[in-house]
Amino acid sequence: MNIEHLRDFLLYCTVINFATLGLWALFFLLPHEWIYRAVNRMFHLSAEQFDAINLGLIVWYKCMVVLFNLTPYLALRLM
């Protein structure tokens, strides 16, 4: 595998992961009550706890995408 293939792979991974992040954010914002009720049946969380966990995981996922996909891609682009 040469650098161009690795660069393309990281770019596709970054795009797919940011699309996943966007879908997650849409599901968190748009049908919030429906998802909250479904999760609340299993875990008995308050709405504030549900929001805090969700936002924390969204931030964590975004940081991991930037750290493991976008940063190596940019480093390879600069080479």
C-alpha atoms as a PDB file:
ATOM      1  CA  MET A   1       0.000   0.000   0.000  1.00  0.00           C
ATOM      2  CA  ASN A   2       1.484   3.304  -1.015  1.00  0.00           C
ATOM      3  CA  ILE A   3       0.929   6.742   0.507  1.00  0.00           C
ATOM      4  CA  GLU A   4      -1.727   7.746  -2.036  1.00  0.00           C
ATOM      5  CA  HIS A   5      -3.882   4.728  -1.161  1.00  0.00           C
ATOM      6  CA  LEU A   6      -3.505   5.400   2.551  1.00  0.00           C
ATOM      7  CA  ARG A   7      -4.353   9.065   2.026  1.00  0.00           C
ATOM      8  CA  ASP A   8      -7.497   8.162   0.055  1.00  0.00           C
ATOM      9  CA  PHE A   9      -8.483   5.611   2.702  1.00  0.00           C
ATOM     10  CA  LEU A  10      -8.160   8.167   5.507  1.00  0.00           C
ATOM     11  CA  LEU A  11     -10.140  10.716   3.517  1.00  0.00           C
ATOM     12  CA  TYR A  12     -13.003   8.248   2.962  1.00  0.00           C
ATOM     13  CA  CYS A  13     -12.914   7.252   6.631  1.00  0.00           C
ATOM     14  CA  THR A  14     -13.103  10.901   7.658  1.00  0.00           C
ATOM     15  CA  VAL A  15     -16.042  11.605   5.360  1.00  0.00           C
ATOM     16  CA  ILE A  16     -17.945   8.496   6.504  1.00  0.00           C
ATOM     17  CA  ASN A  17     -17.302   9.228  10.177  1.00  0.00           C
ATOM     18  CA  PHE A  18     -18.390  12.864   9.887  1.00  0.00           C
ATOM     19  CA  ALA A  19     -21.540  11.713   8.053  1.00  0.00           C
ATOM     20  CA  THR A  20     -22.216   9.319  10.938  1.00  0.00           C
ATOM     21  CA  LEU A  21     -21.642  12.170  13.372  1.00  0.00           C
ATOM     22  CA  GLY A  22     -24.091  14.352  11.454  1.00  0.00           C
ATOM     23  CA  LEU A  23     -26.769  11.637  11.503  1.00  0.00           C
ATOM     24  CA  TRP A  24     -26.248  11.131  15.220  1.00  0.00           C
ATOM     25  CA  ALA A  25     -26.638  14.863  15.821  1.00  0.00           C
ATOM     26  CA  LEU A  26     -29.818  14.946  13.699  1.00  0.00           C
ATOM     27  CA  PHE A  27     -31.301  12.021  15.607  1.00  0.00           C
ATOM     28  CA  PHE A  28     -30.404  13.768  18.838  1.00  0.00           C
ATOM     29  CA  LEU A  29     -32.032  17.045  17.798  1.00  0.00           C
ATOM     30  CA  LEU A  30     -35.053  16.116  15.686  1.00  0.00           C
ATOM     31  CA  PRO A  31     -36.855  13.099  17.256  1.00  0.00           C
ATOM     32  CA  HIS A  32     -35.448  13.792  20.729  1.00  0.00           C
ATOM     33  CA  GLU A  33     -38.569  12.874  22.727  1.00  0.00           C
ATOM     34  CA  TRP A  34     -39.145   9.615  20.869  1.00  0.00           C
ATOM     35  CA  ILE A  35     -35.564   8.437  21.384  1.00  0.00           C
ATOM     36  CA  TYR A  36     -35.547   9.614  24.989  1.00  0.00           C
ATOM     37  CA  ARG A  37     -38.698   7.599  25.770  1.00  0.00           C
ATOM     38  CA  ALA A  38     -37.225   4.464  24.167  1.00  0.00           C
ATOM     39  CA  VAL A  39     -33.967   4.788  26.131  1.00  0.00           C
ATOM     40  CA  ASN A  40     -35.764   5.734  29.335  1.00  0.00           C
ATOM     41  CA  ARG A  41     -37.688   2.438  29.354  1.00  0.00           C
ATOM     42  CA  MET A  42     -34.417   0.530  29.580  1.00  0.00           C
ATOM     43  CA  PHE A  43     -32.134   2.774  31.633  1.00  0.00           C
ATOM     44  CA  HIS A  44     -34.453   5.121  33.610  1.00  0.00           C
ATOM     45  CA  LEU A  45     -32.455   8.274  32.921  1.00  0.00           C
ATOM     46  CA  SER A  46     -33.673  11.808  33.393  1.00  0.00           C
ATOM     47  CA  ALA A  47     -33.831  14.029  30.327  1.00  0.00           C
ATOM     48  CA  GLU A  48     -30.833  16.017  31.581  1.00  0.00           C
ATOM     49  CA  GLN A  49     -28.763  12.865  32.083  1.00  0.00           C
ATOM     50  CA  PHE A  50     -29.714  11.603  28.636  1.00  0.00           C
ATOM     51  CA  ASP A  51     -28.719  14.911  27.037  1.00  0.00           C
ATOM     52  CA  ALA A  52     -25.434  15.087  28.945  1.00  0.00           C
ATOM     53  CA  ILE A  53     -24.454  11.527  28.017  1.00  0.00           C
ATOM     54  CA  ASN A  54     -25.393  12.042  24.382  1.00  0.00           C
ATOM     55  CA  LEU A  55     -23.540  15.340  24.023  1.00  0.00           C
ATOM     56  CA  GLY A  56     -20.504  13.939  25.815  1.00  0.00           C
ATOM     57  CA  LEU A  57     -20.380  10.953  23.470  1.00  0.00           C
ATOM     58  CA  ILE A  58     -20.836  13.179  20.411  1.00  0.00           C
ATOM     59  CA  VAL A  59     -17.889  15.326  21.502  1.00  0.00           C
ATOM     60  CA  TRP A  60     -15.786  12.228  22.265  1.00  0.00           C
ATOM     61  CA  TYR A  61     -16.611  10.686  18.850  1.00  0.00           C
ATOM     62  CA  LYS A  62     -15.726  13.922  17.056  1.00  0.00           C
ATOM     63  CA  CYS A  63     -12.392  14.155  18.892  1.00  0.00           C
ATOM     64  CA  MET A  64     -11.561  10.551  17.969  1.00  0.00           C
ATOM     65  CA  VAL A  65     -12.413  11.161  14.304  1.00  0.00           C
ATOM     66  CA  VAL A  66     -10.190  14.226  14.234  1.00  0.00           C
ATOM     67  CA  LEU A  67      -7.384  12.452  16.103  1.00  0.00           C
ATOM     68  CA  PHE A  68      -7.365   9.157  14.204  1.00  0.00           C
ATOM     69  CA  ASN A  69      -8.666  10.099  10.739  1.00  0.00           C
ATOM     70  CA  LEU A  70      -8.324  13.781   9.934  1.00  0.00           C
ATOM     71  CA  THR A  71      -4.935  14.447  11.536  1.00  0.00           C
ATOM     72  CA  PRO A  72      -3.123  11.541   9.796  1.00  0.00           C
ATOM     73  CA  TYR A  73      -4.790  12.510   6.520  1.00  0.00           C
ATOM     74  CA  LEU A  74      -3.567  16.097   6.829  1.00  0.00           C
ATOM     75  CA  ALA A  75      -0.092  14.903   7.807  1.00  0.00           C
ATOM     76  CA  LEU A  76       0.063  12.733   4.707  1.00  0.00           C
ATOM     77  CA  ARG A  77      -1.163  15.610   2.557  1.00  0.00           C
ATOM     78  CA  LEU A  78       1.708  17.767   3.852  1.00  0.00           C
ATOM     79  CA  MET A  79       4.334  15.115   3.024  1.00  0.00           C
END
